[in-house]
Amino acid sequence: MDKAALAGRYERTKAAIPAGVKLIAVSKTRTVEEIKALYDLGQRAFGENYPQELRDKQPLLPADIEWHFIGHLQGNKVKYIAPFVHLVHGVDSEKLLGQLNTRAGAAGRELAVLLQVHIAREETKHGFLPDELRALFTGGSLQARWPSLRFRGLMGMATLTDDREQVRREFEALAALKHELAATGMVPADAFSELSMGMSGDLDEALKAGSTMVRIGTAIFGERK
């Protein structure tokens, strides 16, 4: 591992992100040594995609790391991360909400979540459809229904395309939906403030649309071997 190269990539990435936007370093499949090297440069928020991998890494690294689960989460894997994860980004079903609520309650903690919205023109991506979320928000307070969860906002992944205008429209629609849902009174509007959107390939469009969290991996760690 070239620590000088890592430091250079990290500084360039940080320079491209405005103040007030959280940088989540995507560390899936990266080694404990790579993560610790980035930690030593000052990074504290890391994003993982695989529950068992995260479960195994977490005790080997500093306790003040803020772990974000950013992948597609299956219900039978919730148990691996519920006791310690800081924020679950990709909550895409009522069933998963129930499983997270149960596991968080059993661990004696409140778990922060983002609701994932399917904004891309790709069937392989996950998430609630916008109208499904609107229906979810008509059923009463989300906090009352899932008392061990804290609803912090929305997450979305744009279509993988070279059409920058399409990506912009998708992110802007997600931002508008977040404001619409926050105004329903079904969540505390001041807490429902996060928009997790934007990766290395669509960072500019996400930031212009109001992203508050960006998920960057290769641009920091380099190409995977």
C-alpha atoms as a PDB file:
ATOM      1  CA  MET A   1       0.000   0.000   0.000  1.00  0.00           C
ATOM      2  CA  ASP A   2       1.334   3.401  -1.044  1.00  0.00           C
ATOM      3  CA  LYS A   3       0.360   5.682   1.829  1.00  0.00           C
ATOM      4  CA  ALA A   4       1.546   8.825   0.053  1.00  0.00           C
ATOM      5  CA  ALA A   5      -0.662   8.062  -2.951  1.00  0.00           C
ATOM      6  CA  LEU A   6      -3.599   7.353  -0.635  1.00  0.00           C
ATOM      7  CA  ALA A   7      -3.076  10.680   1.107  1.00  0.00           C
ATOM      8  CA  GLY A   8      -2.972  12.514  -2.218  1.00  0.00           C
ATOM      9  CA  ARG A   9      -6.185  10.938  -3.477  1.00  0.00           C
ATOM     10  CA  TYR A  10      -7.897  11.630  -0.162  1.00  0.00           C
ATOM     11  CA  GLU A  11      -6.948  15.308  -0.151  1.00  0.00           C
ATOM     12  CA  ARG A  12      -8.117  15.761  -3.753  1.00  0.00           C
ATOM     13  CA  THR A  13     -11.434  14.098  -2.939  1.00  0.00           C
ATOM     14  CA  LYS A  14     -12.003  16.254   0.134  1.00  0.00           C
ATOM     15  CA  ALA A  15     -11.209  19.393  -1.847  1.00  0.00           C
ATOM     16  CA  ALA A  16     -14.025  18.578  -4.279  1.00  0.00           C
ATOM     17  CA  ILE A  17     -16.664  18.298  -1.548  1.00  0.00           C
ATOM     18  CA  PRO A  18     -18.218  21.428   0.012  1.00  0.00           C
ATOM     19  CA  ALA A  19     -18.265  22.047   3.734  1.00  0.00           C
ATOM     20  CA  GLY A  20     -21.320  20.508   5.338  1.00  0.00           C
ATOM     21  CA  VAL A  21     -21.399  17.468   3.034  1.00  0.00           C
ATOM     22  CA  LYS A  22     -20.305  14.240   4.712  1.00  0.00           C
ATOM     23  CA  LEU A  23     -17.734  12.139   2.894  1.00  0.00           C
ATOM     24  CA  ILE A  24     -18.284   8.419   3.356  1.00  0.00           C
ATOM     25  CA  ALA A  25     -15.243   6.426   2.284  1.00  0.00           C
ATOM     26  CA  VAL A  26     -16.483   3.224   0.667  1.00  0.00           C
ATOM     27  CA  SER A  27     -14.279   0.542   2.175  1.00  0.00           C
ATOM     28  CA  LYS A  28     -15.952  -2.662   0.982  1.00  0.00           C
ATOM     29  CA  THR A  29     -13.349  -5.374   0.236  1.00  0.00           C
ATOM     30  CA  ARG A  30     -10.584  -3.055   1.480  1.00  0.00           C
ATOM     31  CA  THR A  31      -8.223  -4.401   4.101  1.00  0.00           C
ATOM     32  CA  VAL A  32      -8.103  -3.391   7.732  1.00  0.00           C
ATOM     33  CA  GLU A  33      -4.678  -1.878   7.016  1.00  0.00           C
ATOM     34  CA  GLU A  34      -6.047   0.311   4.217  1.00  0.00           C
ATOM     35  CA  ILE A  35      -8.918   1.522   6.383  1.00  0.00           C
ATOM     36  CA  LYS A  36      -6.592   2.258   9.296  1.00  0.00           C
ATOM     37  CA  ALA A  37      -4.278   4.240   7.009  1.00  0.00           C
ATOM     38  CA  LEU A  38      -7.195   6.425   5.911  1.00  0.00           C
ATOM     39  CA  TYR A  39      -8.359   6.722   9.511  1.00  0.00           C
ATOM     40  CA  ASP A  40      -4.902   8.005  10.426  1.00  0.00           C
ATOM     41  CA  LEU A  41      -5.362  10.746   7.814  1.00  0.00           C
ATOM     42  CA  GLY A  42      -8.481  11.903   9.654  1.00  0.00           C
ATOM     43  CA  GLN A  43     -11.344  10.047   7.958  1.00  0.00           C
ATOM     44  CA  ARG A  44     -13.969   8.714  10.356  1.00  0.00           C
ATOM     45  CA  ALA A  45     -17.025   7.722   8.260  1.00  0.00           C
ATOM     46  CA  PHE A  46     -16.692   4.481   6.301  1.00  0.00           C
ATOM     47  CA  GLY A  47     -19.259   2.678   4.147  1.00  0.00           C
ATOM     48  CA  GLU A  48     -19.554  -1.093   3.824  1.00  0.00           C
ATOM     49  CA  ASN A  49     -21.743  -3.252   1.575  1.00  0.00           C
ATOM     50  CA  TYR A  50     -21.481  -6.733   3.089  1.00  0.00           C
ATOM     51  CA  PRO A  51     -22.801  -7.425   6.609  1.00  0.00           C
ATOM     52  CA  GLN A  52     -20.456 -10.263   7.524  1.00  0.00           C
ATOM     53  CA  GLU A  53     -17.423  -8.405   6.228  1.00  0.00           C
ATOM     54  CA  LEU A  54     -18.392  -5.392   8.321  1.00  0.00           C
ATOM     55  CA  ARG A  55     -19.031  -7.551  11.382  1.00  0.00           C
ATOM     56  CA  ASP A  56     -15.521  -9.015  11.081  1.00  0.00           C
ATOM     57  CA  LYS A  57     -13.749  -5.691  10.463  1.00  0.00           C
ATOM     58  CA  GLN A  58     -15.456  -3.622  13.148  1.00  0.00           C
ATOM     59  CA  PRO A  59     -13.693  -5.060  16.245  1.00  0.00           C
ATOM     60  CA  LEU A  60     -10.281  -4.792  14.554  1.00  0.00           C
ATOM     61  CA  LEU A  61     -10.507  -1.043  14.005  1.00  0.00           C
ATOM     62  CA  PRO A  62     -10.823   2.063  16.235  1.00  0.00           C
ATOM     63  CA  ALA A  63     -14.044   2.295  18.207  1.00  0.00           C
ATOM     64  CA  ASP A  64     -14.806   5.849  17.080  1.00  0.00           C
ATOM     65  CA  ILE A  65     -15.234   4.898  13.421  1.00  0.00           C
ATOM     66  CA  GLU A  66     -18.707   5.800  12.165  1.00  0.00           C
ATOM     67  CA  TRP A  67     -19.843   2.785  10.169  1.00  0.00           C
ATOM     68  CA  HIS A  68     -22.409   3.287   7.405  1.00  0.00           C
ATOM     69  CA  PHE A  69     -24.088   0.298   5.795  1.00  0.00           C
ATOM     70  CA  ILE A  70     -24.632   1.313   2.184  1.00  0.00           C
ATOM     71  CA  GLY A  71     -25.388  -1.971   0.402  1.00  0.00           C
ATOM     72  CA  HIS A  72     -28.529  -3.996  -0.157  1.00  0.00           C
ATOM     73  CA  LEU A  73     -29.364  -5.499   3.239  1.00  0.00           C
ATOM     74  CA  GLN A  74     -31.113  -8.861   3.565  1.00  0.00           C
ATOM     75  CA  GLY A  75     -33.245  -9.357   6.642  1.00  0.00           C
ATOM     76  CA  ASN A  76     -31.354 -12.403   7.875  1.00  0.00           C
ATOM     77  CA  LYS A  77     -28.117 -10.365   7.919  1.00  0.00           C
ATOM     78  CA  VAL A  78     -29.433  -7.490  10.062  1.00  0.00           C
ATOM     79  CA  LYS A  79     -28.215  -9.231  13.228  1.00  0.00           C
ATOM     80  CA  TYR A  80     -24.588  -8.817  12.167  1.00  0.00           C
ATOM     81  CA  ILE A  81     -24.635  -5.012  12.124  1.00  0.00           C
ATOM     82  CA  ALA A  82     -27.570  -3.777  14.239  1.00  0.00           C
ATOM     83  CA  PRO A  83     -25.610  -3.604  17.516  1.00  0.00           C
ATOM     84  CA  PHE A  84     -23.097  -1.024  16.301  1.00  0.00           C
ATOM     85  CA  VAL A  85     -23.760   0.446  12.837  1.00  0.00           C
ATOM     86  CA  HIS A  86     -24.192   4.236  12.771  1.00  0.00           C
ATOM     87  CA  LEU A  87     -26.562   4.567   9.793  1.00  0.00           C
ATOM     88  CA  VAL A  88     -28.255   2.133   7.412  1.00  0.00           C
ATOM     89  CA  HIS A  89     -28.638   3.815   4.013  1.00  0.00           C
ATOM     90  CA  GLY A  90     -30.528   1.300   1.900  1.00  0.00           C
ATOM     91  CA  VAL A  91     -33.773   0.509   3.723  1.00  0.00           C
ATOM     92  CA  ASP A  92     -36.044  -0.572   0.893  1.00  0.00           C
ATOM     93  CA  SER A  93     -39.072  -2.344   2.392  1.00  0.00           C
ATOM     94  CA  GLU A  94     -41.473  -2.307   5.335  1.00  0.00           C
ATOM     95  CA  LYS A  95     -40.339  -5.831   6.168  1.00  0.00           C
ATOM     96  CA  LEU A  96     -36.749  -4.649   6.551  1.00  0.00           C
ATOM     97  CA  LEU A  97     -37.924  -1.754   8.722  1.00  0.00           C
ATOM     98  CA  GLY A  98     -39.530  -4.294  11.048  1.00  0.00           C
ATOM     99  CA  GLN A  99     -36.411  -6.441  11.189  1.00  0.00           C
ATOM    100  CA  LEU A 100     -34.148  -3.479  11.905  1.00  0.00           C
ATOM    101  CA  ASN A 101     -36.542  -2.220  14.585  1.00  0.00           C
ATOM    102  CA  THR A 102     -36.594  -5.623  16.300  1.00  0.00           C
ATOM    103  CA  ARG A 103     -32.814  -6.046  16.263  1.00  0.00           C
ATOM    104  CA  ALA A 104     -32.145  -2.479  17.400  1.00  0.00           C
ATOM    105  CA  GLY A 105     -34.599  -2.888  20.256  1.00  0.00           C
ATOM    106  CA  ALA A 106     -32.961  -6.164  21.299  1.00  0.00           C
ATOM    107  CA  ALA A 107     -29.593  -4.389  21.313  1.00  0.00           C
ATOM    108  CA  GLY A 108     -31.012  -1.625  23.494  1.00  0.00           C
ATOM    109  CA  ARG A 109     -30.271   1.151  21.041  1.00  0.00           C
ATOM    110  CA  GLU A 110     -31.828   3.486  18.520  1.00  0.00           C
ATOM    111  CA  LEU A 111     -30.752   2.906  14.940  1.00  0.00           C
ATOM    112  CA  ALA A 112     -30.656   5.656  12.325  1.00  0.00           C
ATOM    113  CA  VAL A 113     -31.927   4.780   8.853  1.00  0.00           C
ATOM    114  CA  LEU A 114     -32.384   6.271   5.413  1.00  0.00           C
ATOM    115  CA  LEU A 115     -35.210   5.148   3.135  1.00  0.00           C
ATOM    116  CA  GLN A 116     -33.913   4.098  -0.267  1.00  0.00           C
ATOM    117  CA  VAL A 117     -35.852   5.348  -3.290  1.00  0.00           C
ATOM    118  CA  HIS A 118     -35.707   3.688  -6.698  1.00  0.00           C
ATOM    119  CA  ILE A 119     -34.903   6.665  -8.921  1.00  0.00           C
ATOM    120  CA  ALA A 120     -32.877   4.919 -11.646  1.00  0.00           C
ATOM    121  CA  ARG A 121     -34.108   3.454 -14.910  1.00  0.00           C
ATOM    122  CA  GLU A 122     -32.528   0.141 -13.994  1.00  0.00           C
ATOM    123  CA  GLU A 123     -34.345  -2.861 -12.590  1.00  0.00           C
ATOM    124  CA  THR A 124     -31.198  -4.047 -10.799  1.00  0.00           C
ATOM    125  CA  LYS A 125     -31.342  -1.142  -8.370  1.00  0.00           C
ATOM    126  CA  HIS A 126     -33.367  -1.402  -5.156  1.00  0.00           C
ATOM    127  CA  GLY A 127     -35.675   0.924  -3.267  1.00  0.00           C
ATOM    128  CA  PHE A 128     -39.224   2.108  -2.671  1.00  0.00           C
ATOM    129  CA  LEU A 129     -40.995   3.697  -5.594  1.00  0.00           C
ATOM    130  CA  PRO A 130     -41.920   7.314  -4.795  1.00  0.00           C
ATOM    131  CA  ASP A 131     -45.639   6.513  -4.584  1.00  0.00           C
ATOM    132  CA  GLU A 132     -44.899   3.584  -2.263  1.00  0.00           C
ATOM    133  CA  LEU A 133     -43.147   5.967   0.102  1.00  0.00           C
ATOM    134  CA  ARG A 134     -46.007   8.430  -0.101  1.00  0.00           C
ATOM    135  CA  ALA A 135     -48.354   5.626   0.908  1.00  0.00           C
ATOM    136  CA  LEU A 136     -46.031   4.626   3.757  1.00  0.00           C
ATOM    137  CA  PHE A 137     -46.176   8.172   5.074  1.00  0.00           C
ATOM    138  CA  THR A 138     -49.985   8.217   5.161  1.00  0.00           C
ATOM    139  CA  GLY A 139     -50.115   5.473   7.802  1.00  0.00           C
ATOM    140  CA  GLY A 140     -49.229   7.643  10.773  1.00  0.00           C
ATOM    141  CA  SER A 141     -46.016   8.530  12.546  1.00  0.00           C
ATOM    142  CA  LEU A 142     -43.098   6.398  11.404  1.00  0.00           C
ATOM    143  CA  GLN A 143     -41.542   6.790  14.844  1.00  0.00           C
ATOM    144  CA  ALA A 144     -44.633   5.333  16.491  1.00  0.00           C
ATOM    145  CA  ARG A 145     -44.656   2.333  14.178  1.00  0.00           C
ATOM    146  CA  TRP A 146     -40.929   1.604  14.458  1.00  0.00           C
ATOM    147  CA  PRO A 147     -39.918   3.073  17.844  1.00  0.00           C
ATOM    148  CA  SER A 148     -36.302   1.846  17.816  1.00  0.00           C
ATOM    149  CA  LEU A 149     -35.553   3.521  14.475  1.00  0.00           C
ATOM    150  CA  ARG A 150     -34.705   7.124  13.726  1.00  0.00           C
ATOM    151  CA  PHE A 151     -35.632   8.273  10.235  1.00  0.00           C
ATOM    152  CA  ARG A 152     -32.969  10.636   8.903  1.00  0.00           C
ATOM    153  CA  GLY A 153     -33.812  11.076   5.215  1.00  0.00           C
ATOM    154  CA  LEU A 154     -33.526   9.424   1.814  1.00  0.00           C
ATOM    155  CA  MET A 155     -30.926   7.585  -0.249  1.00  0.00           C
ATOM    156  CA  GLY A 156     -30.863   6.976  -3.980  1.00  0.00           C
ATOM    157  CA  MET A 157     -28.646   5.763  -6.800  1.00  0.00           C
ATOM    158  CA  ALA A 158     -28.921   7.362 -10.222  1.00  0.00           C
ATOM    159  CA  THR A 159     -28.963   5.499 -13.505  1.00  0.00           C
ATOM    160  CA  LEU A 160     -25.527   4.445 -14.728  1.00  0.00           C
ATOM    161  CA  THR A 161     -25.445   6.539 -17.880  1.00  0.00           C
ATOM    162  CA  ASP A 162     -23.402   9.177 -19.691  1.00  0.00           C
ATOM    163  CA  ASP A 163     -26.513  11.362 -19.904  1.00  0.00           C
ATOM    164  CA  ARG A 164     -25.695  13.959 -17.238  1.00  0.00           C
ATOM    165  CA  GLU A 165     -29.083  15.635 -17.680  1.00  0.00           C
ATOM    166  CA  GLN A 166     -30.896  12.413 -16.791  1.00  0.00           C
ATOM    167  CA  VAL A 167     -28.751  11.953 -13.694  1.00  0.00           C
ATOM    168  CA  ARG A 168     -29.435  15.562 -12.678  1.00  0.00           C
ATOM    169  CA  ARG A 169     -33.192  15.074 -13.040  1.00  0.00           C
ATOM    170  CA  GLU A 170     -33.139  11.897 -10.966  1.00  0.00           C
ATOM    171  CA  PHE A 171     -31.235  13.535  -8.121  1.00  0.00           C
ATOM    172  CA  GLU A 172     -33.416  16.644  -8.192  1.00  0.00           C
ATOM    173  CA  ALA A 173     -36.534  14.465  -8.019  1.00  0.00           C
ATOM    174  CA  LEU A 174     -35.123  12.695  -4.965  1.00  0.00           C
ATOM    175  CA  ALA A 175     -34.405  16.012  -3.262  1.00  0.00           C
ATOM    176  CA  ALA A 176     -37.949  17.216  -3.983  1.00  0.00           C
ATOM    177  CA  LEU A 177     -39.406  13.993  -2.581  1.00  0.00           C
ATOM    178  CA  LYS A 178     -37.424  14.388   0.628  1.00  0.00           C
ATOM    179  CA  HIS A 179     -38.870  17.877   1.164  1.00  0.00           C
ATOM    180  CA  GLU A 180     -42.369  16.622   0.348  1.00  0.00           C
ATOM    181  CA  LEU A 181     -42.191  13.767   2.855  1.00  0.00           C
ATOM    182  CA  ALA A 182     -40.642  15.920   5.576  1.00  0.00           C
ATOM    183  CA  ALA A 183     -43.643  18.247   5.310  1.00  0.00           C
ATOM    184  CA  THR A 184     -46.169  15.471   6.040  1.00  0.00           C
ATOM    185  CA  GLY A 185     -45.546  15.544   9.785  1.00  0.00           C
ATOM    186  CA  MET A 186     -45.001  11.775   9.863  1.00  0.00           C
ATOM    187  CA  VAL A 187     -41.319  12.306  10.756  1.00  0.00           C
ATOM    188  CA  PRO A 188     -39.611  15.085  12.713  1.00  0.00           C
ATOM    189  CA  ALA A 189     -38.920  17.494   9.847  1.00  0.00           C
ATOM    190  CA  ASP A 190     -35.741  18.884  11.411  1.00  0.00           C
ATOM    191  CA  ALA A 191     -34.248  15.385  11.727  1.00  0.00           C
ATOM    192  CA  PHE A 192     -35.356  14.137   8.298  1.00  0.00           C
ATOM    193  CA  SER A 193     -32.641  16.127   6.581  1.00  0.00           C
ATOM    194  CA  GLU A 194     -30.173  13.758   4.922  1.00  0.00           C
ATOM    195  CA  LEU A 195     -29.841  13.007   1.207  1.00  0.00           C
ATOM    196  CA  SER A 196     -27.352  10.223   0.532  1.00  0.00           C
ATOM    197  CA  MET A 197     -26.665  10.450  -3.178  1.00  0.00           C
ATOM    198  CA  GLY A 198     -23.582  10.750  -5.326  1.00  0.00           C
ATOM    199  CA  MET A 199     -20.576   8.565  -6.042  1.00  0.00           C
ATOM    200  CA  SER A 200     -17.370   9.106  -7.977  1.00  0.00           C
ATOM    201  CA  GLY A 201     -19.091   9.125 -11.381  1.00  0.00           C
ATOM    202  CA  ASP A 202     -21.984  11.476 -10.578  1.00  0.00           C
ATOM    203  CA  LEU A 203     -20.603  13.571  -7.727  1.00  0.00           C
ATOM    204  CA  ASP A 204     -21.113  16.965  -9.374  1.00  0.00           C
ATOM    205  CA  GLU A 205     -24.769  16.331 -10.204  1.00  0.00           C
ATOM    206  CA  ALA A 206     -25.475  15.045  -6.687  1.00  0.00           C
ATOM    207  CA  LEU A 207     -23.873  18.036  -5.003  1.00  0.00           C
ATOM    208  CA  LYS A 208     -25.753  20.499  -7.195  1.00  0.00           C
ATOM    209  CA  ALA A 209     -29.026  18.748  -6.321  1.00  0.00           C
ATOM    210  CA  GLY A 210     -28.398  19.089  -2.578  1.00  0.00           C
ATOM    211  CA  SER A 211     -26.683  15.893  -1.470  1.00  0.00           C
ATOM    212  CA  THR A 212     -25.625  15.886   2.183  1.00  0.00           C
ATOM    213  CA  MET A 213     -23.697  12.576   2.019  1.00  0.00           C
ATOM    214  CA  VAL A 214     -21.523  11.244  -0.800  1.00  0.00           C
ATOM    215  CA  ARG A 215     -20.145   7.716  -1.080  1.00  0.00           C
ATOM    216  CA  ILE A 216     -16.658   7.623  -2.609  1.00  0.00           C
ATOM    217  CA  GLY A 217     -14.449   4.551  -2.899  1.00  0.00           C
ATOM    218  CA  THR A 218     -12.071   4.132  -5.843  1.00  0.00           C
ATOM    219  CA  ALA A 219     -11.249   7.842  -6.064  1.00  0.00           C
ATOM    220  CA  ILE A 220      -9.806   7.546  -2.545  1.00  0.00           C
ATOM    221  CA  PHE A 221      -8.467   4.008  -2.255  1.00  0.00           C
ATOM    222  CA  GLY A 222      -7.467   3.524  -5.902  1.00  0.00           C
ATOM    223  CA  GLU A 223      -8.376   0.690  -8.220  1.00  0.00           C
ATOM    224  CA  ARG A 224      -8.971  -2.688  -6.626  1.00  0.00           C
ATOM    225  CA  LYS A 225      -6.380  -5.338  -7.374  1.00  0.00           C
END
